[in-house]
Structures are given as structure tokens and as C-alpha cells.
Amino acid sequence: MFDEQSQSAIRNSVTEASHQLLATSSDALRFHPWITQELFDETRQVWSKAYGRVITEDEAIEILVNVRRLAEALLHASQSRRDA
């Protein structure tokens, strides 16, 4: 469908968020090495209880990535306010 150069360009243009959504849970540590097995397991346990069902591995990864992004955004906003 796409030649090698086009595939490379497409891969390079995909954001980290899109990568996360495309990755299988077994790829999580490759894309997100900060996710430990303990953190992953605890996230599934806590959020499964909150949702009233067992969340999928992909949902747990998405939750962890989103929480990290929120924390980074809050940190950036805090630093920006201090610098202003």
C-alpha cells in the first residue's frame, strides 16, 4: 500500500498519544518504560473497582499515560505562573 519511505514518514509523524493507542499492552514498556509491572497491576485493580468491571490492559495503559500527561501539564502551568 505504502512504500518504505512513506511508511517511515508516517511512523515519524505519529504522536506519542497515537503510538500509545496503537501499541499492544506487551509493547507498553517499550513505549513507556516508566510503567512498572507493579504500577500497571495496581492501576488495573484500582480502576477496575472504580468502573465495576475488569478494565483491559490497553485501558490501564491509556489511564497511566493520561494521568502522567495531566501531571506534566499541571507542573508546566505551575512553573509558568512562577516565571510570570
N, C-alpha and C. Protein backbone atom coordinates (compact mmCIF):
# COMPACT_ATOMS: atom_id res chain seq x y z
N MET A 1 0.82 -1.18 0.00
CA MET A 1 0.00 0.00 0.00
C MET A 1 0.88 1.26 0.00
N PHE A 2 1.81 1.38 0.98
CA PHE A 2 2.76 2.48 1.02
C PHE A 2 4.16 1.93 0.84
N ASP A 3 5.01 2.71 0.16
CA ASP A 3 6.40 2.27 0.03
C ASP A 3 7.12 2.50 1.36
N GLU A 4 8.35 1.98 1.45
CA GLU A 4 9.11 2.03 2.70
C GLU A 4 9.32 3.47 3.20
N GLN A 5 9.62 4.38 2.30
CA GLN A 5 9.86 5.77 2.68
C GLN A 5 8.58 6.42 3.22
N SER A 6 7.45 6.14 2.58
CA SER A 6 6.18 6.68 3.06
C SER A 6 5.82 6.12 4.42
N GLN A 7 6.05 4.83 4.61
CA GLN A 7 5.76 4.21 5.90
C GLN A 7 6.62 4.83 7.00
N SER A 8 7.87 5.08 6.70
CA SER A 8 8.76 5.70 7.68
C SER A 8 8.28 7.11 8.03
N ALA A 9 7.87 7.87 7.04
CA ALA A 9 7.39 9.23 7.27
C ALA A 9 6.11 9.22 8.11
N ILE A 10 5.24 8.27 7.84
CA ILE A 10 4.00 8.16 8.60
C ILE A 10 4.32 7.82 10.05
N ARG A 11 5.20 6.83 10.24
CA ARG A 11 5.56 6.45 11.61
C ARG A 11 6.18 7.62 12.36
N ASN A 12 7.01 8.39 11.70
CA ASN A 12 7.67 9.51 12.36
C ASN A 12 6.71 10.63 12.71
N SER A 13 5.60 10.73 11.99
CA SER A 13 4.66 11.81 12.24
C SER A 13 3.60 11.46 13.28
N VAL A 14 3.55 10.22 13.67
CA VAL A 14 2.56 9.78 14.67
C VAL A 14 2.98 10.29 16.04
N THR A 15 2.07 10.88 16.74
CA THR A 15 2.37 11.41 18.07
C THR A 15 2.51 10.28 19.08
N GLU A 16 3.06 10.62 20.23
CA GLU A 16 3.19 9.63 21.29
C GLU A 16 1.82 9.11 21.71
N ALA A 17 0.84 9.98 21.72
CA ALA A 17 -0.51 9.55 22.09
C ALA A 17 -1.05 8.51 21.12
N SER A 18 -0.84 8.75 19.84
CA SER A 18 -1.30 7.79 18.84
C SER A 18 -0.53 6.49 18.96
N HIS A 19 0.77 6.59 19.21
CA HIS A 19 1.58 5.39 19.41
C HIS A 19 1.00 4.56 20.54
N GLN A 20 0.64 5.24 21.62
CA GLN A 20 0.11 4.53 22.77
C GLN A 20 -1.16 3.80 22.40
N LEU A 21 -2.02 4.43 21.64
CA LEU A 21 -3.28 3.80 21.28
C LEU A 21 -3.08 2.63 20.33
N LEU A 22 -2.05 2.69 19.51
CA LEU A 22 -1.78 1.62 18.55
C LEU A 22 -1.02 0.47 19.17
N ALA A 23 -0.31 0.74 20.25
CA ALA A 23 0.54 -0.28 20.86
C ALA A 23 -0.29 -1.31 21.59
N THR A 24 0.15 -2.53 21.53
CA THR A 24 -0.49 -3.56 22.36
C THR A 24 0.10 -3.45 23.75
N SER A 25 -0.56 -4.06 24.70
CA SER A 25 -0.08 -3.96 26.06
C SER A 25 1.32 -4.54 26.22
N SER A 26 1.67 -5.53 25.41
CA SER A 26 3.01 -6.09 25.51
C SER A 26 4.07 -5.11 25.03
N ASP A 27 3.68 -4.11 24.28
CA ASP A 27 4.61 -3.07 23.82
C ASP A 27 4.70 -1.90 24.79
N ALA A 28 3.90 -1.92 25.84
CA ALA A 28 3.80 -0.77 26.74
C ALA A 28 5.15 -0.36 27.31
N LEU A 29 5.93 -1.31 27.75
CA LEU A 29 7.22 -0.96 28.34
C LEU A 29 8.18 -0.40 27.32
N ARG A 30 8.03 -0.80 26.07
CA ARG A 30 8.89 -0.25 25.03
C ARG A 30 8.54 1.21 24.77
N PHE A 31 7.27 1.53 24.74
CA PHE A 31 6.84 2.91 24.51
C PHE A 31 6.84 3.75 25.78
N HIS A 32 6.64 3.09 26.91
CA HIS A 32 6.52 3.78 28.19
C HIS A 32 7.33 3.02 29.25
N PRO A 33 8.64 3.13 29.20
CA PRO A 33 9.47 2.35 30.13
C PRO A 33 9.26 2.72 31.60
N TRP A 34 8.61 3.82 31.88
CA TRP A 34 8.33 4.23 33.25
C TRP A 34 7.18 3.44 33.87
N ILE A 35 6.44 2.70 33.06
CA ILE A 35 5.34 1.88 33.59
C ILE A 35 5.91 0.56 34.10
N THR A 36 5.93 0.42 35.40
CA THR A 36 6.41 -0.82 36.00
C THR A 36 5.26 -1.82 36.07
N GLN A 37 5.59 -3.08 36.26
CA GLN A 37 4.56 -4.10 36.38
C GLN A 37 3.68 -3.83 37.60
N GLU A 38 4.30 -3.39 38.70
CA GLU A 38 3.55 -3.08 39.91
C GLU A 38 2.57 -1.93 39.68
N LEU A 39 3.02 -0.87 39.04
CA LEU A 39 2.15 0.27 38.73
C LEU A 39 1.02 -0.15 37.81
N PHE A 40 1.33 -0.95 36.81
CA PHE A 40 0.34 -1.44 35.86
C PHE A 40 -0.72 -2.28 36.59
N ASP A 41 -0.29 -3.21 37.42
CA ASP A 41 -1.22 -4.08 38.15
C ASP A 41 -2.11 -3.28 39.10
N GLU A 42 -1.50 -2.34 39.81
CA GLU A 42 -2.27 -1.52 40.74
C GLU A 42 -3.28 -0.65 40.01
N THR A 43 -2.89 -0.12 38.87
CA THR A 43 -3.80 0.70 38.07
C THR A 43 -5.01 -0.12 37.62
N ARG A 44 -4.76 -1.33 37.14
CA ARG A 44 -5.88 -2.20 36.73
C ARG A 44 -6.79 -2.51 37.90
N GLN A 45 -6.22 -2.76 39.06
CA GLN A 45 -7.03 -3.10 40.23
C GLN A 45 -7.90 -1.91 40.67
N VAL A 46 -7.28 -0.75 40.80
CA VAL A 46 -8.00 0.44 41.27
C VAL A 46 -9.09 0.85 40.30
N TRP A 47 -8.76 0.93 39.02
CA TRP A 47 -9.72 1.41 38.04
C TRP A 47 -10.77 0.36 37.70
N SER A 48 -10.45 -0.91 37.83
CA SER A 48 -11.46 -1.95 37.64
C SER A 48 -12.54 -1.82 38.72
N LYS A 49 -12.10 -1.57 39.94
CA LYS A 49 -13.05 -1.37 41.03
C LYS A 49 -13.91 -0.13 40.77
N ALA A 50 -13.27 0.95 40.30
CA ALA A 50 -14.00 2.20 40.04
C ALA A 50 -15.03 2.02 38.92
N TYR A 51 -14.69 1.24 37.89
CA TYR A 51 -15.59 1.03 36.76
C TYR A 51 -16.59 -0.11 36.99
N GLY A 52 -16.35 -0.91 38.00
CA GLY A 52 -17.24 -2.02 38.26
C GLY A 52 -17.08 -3.17 37.29
N ARG A 53 -15.94 -3.22 36.63
CA ARG A 53 -15.60 -4.30 35.69
C ARG A 53 -14.09 -4.34 35.56
N VAL A 54 -13.59 -5.45 35.06
CA VAL A 54 -12.15 -5.55 34.84
C VAL A 54 -11.79 -4.74 33.60
N ILE A 55 -10.92 -3.75 33.78
CA ILE A 55 -10.50 -2.96 32.62
C ILE A 55 -9.44 -3.74 31.84
N THR A 56 -9.35 -3.45 30.56
CA THR A 56 -8.39 -4.14 29.71
C THR A 56 -6.99 -3.61 29.96
N GLU A 57 -6.01 -4.33 29.49
CA GLU A 57 -4.62 -3.89 29.61
C GLU A 57 -4.42 -2.57 28.87
N ASP A 58 -5.02 -2.44 27.70
CA ASP A 58 -4.90 -1.21 26.93
C ASP A 58 -5.53 -0.03 27.65
N GLU A 59 -6.66 -0.26 28.33
CA GLU A 59 -7.29 0.82 29.10
C GLU A 59 -6.39 1.26 30.25
N ALA A 60 -5.75 0.31 30.91
CA ALA A 60 -4.84 0.65 32.01
C ALA A 60 -3.68 1.50 31.50
N ILE A 61 -3.13 1.15 30.37
CA ILE A 61 -2.03 1.92 29.78
C ILE A 61 -2.50 3.32 29.43
N GLU A 62 -3.68 3.41 28.83
CA GLU A 62 -4.21 4.72 28.46
C GLU A 62 -4.42 5.59 29.70
N ILE A 63 -4.94 5.01 30.76
CA ILE A 63 -5.14 5.75 32.01
C ILE A 63 -3.81 6.27 32.55
N LEU A 64 -2.81 5.39 32.59
CA LEU A 64 -1.50 5.80 33.11
C LEU A 64 -0.89 6.93 32.28
N VAL A 65 -0.97 6.82 30.98
CA VAL A 65 -0.42 7.85 30.11
C VAL A 65 -1.17 9.17 30.30
N ASN A 66 -2.49 9.11 30.41
CA ASN A 66 -3.27 10.33 30.59
C ASN A 66 -3.00 10.99 31.94
N VAL A 67 -2.85 10.19 32.99
CA VAL A 67 -2.55 10.75 34.31
C VAL A 67 -1.17 11.42 34.29
N ARG A 68 -0.21 10.78 33.61
CA ARG A 68 1.12 11.38 33.51
C ARG A 68 1.06 12.71 32.74
N ARG A 69 0.31 12.74 31.65
CA ARG A 69 0.17 13.98 30.88
C ARG A 69 -0.47 15.08 31.72
N LEU A 70 -1.48 14.74 32.50
CA LEU A 70 -2.12 15.72 33.37
C LEU A 70 -1.11 16.27 34.36
N ALA A 71 -0.35 15.40 34.98
CA ALA A 71 0.66 15.83 35.95
C ALA A 71 1.70 16.75 35.29
N GLU A 72 2.13 16.40 34.08
CA GLU A 72 3.09 17.24 33.37
C GLU A 72 2.50 18.60 33.03
N ALA A 73 1.23 18.63 32.63
CA ALA A 73 0.57 19.89 32.29
C ALA A 73 0.44 20.78 33.53
N LEU A 74 0.08 20.17 34.66
CA LEU A 74 -0.05 20.94 35.90
C LEU A 74 1.31 21.48 36.35
N LEU A 75 2.34 20.68 36.22
CA LEU A 75 3.68 21.12 36.57
C LEU A 75 4.13 22.27 35.68
N HIS A 76 3.87 22.15 34.39
CA HIS A 76 4.24 23.21 33.45
C HIS A 76 3.48 24.50 33.78
N ALA A 77 2.18 24.38 34.07
CA ALA A 77 1.39 25.56 34.40
C ALA A 77 1.90 26.22 35.68
N SER A 78 2.26 25.41 36.65
CA SER A 78 2.79 25.94 37.91
C SER A 78 4.10 26.68 37.68
N GLN A 79 4.98 26.09 36.87
CA GLN A 79 6.26 26.74 36.58
C GLN A 79 6.06 28.02 35.79
N SER A 80 5.12 28.02 34.87
CA SER A 80 4.83 29.22 34.09
C SER A 80 4.32 30.35 34.96
N ARG A 81 3.50 30.02 35.94
CA ARG A 81 2.96 31.06 36.85
C ARG A 81 4.07 31.64 37.70
N ARG A 82 5.01 30.79 38.12
CA ARG A 82 6.13 31.27 38.93
C ARG A 82 7.05 32.19 38.12
N ASP A 83 7.22 31.87 36.84
CA ASP A 83 8.11 32.63 35.97
C ASP A 83 7.49 33.95 35.53
N ALA A 84 6.18 34.08 35.65
CA ALA A 84 5.49 35.29 35.16
C ALA A 84 5.58 36.44 36.13
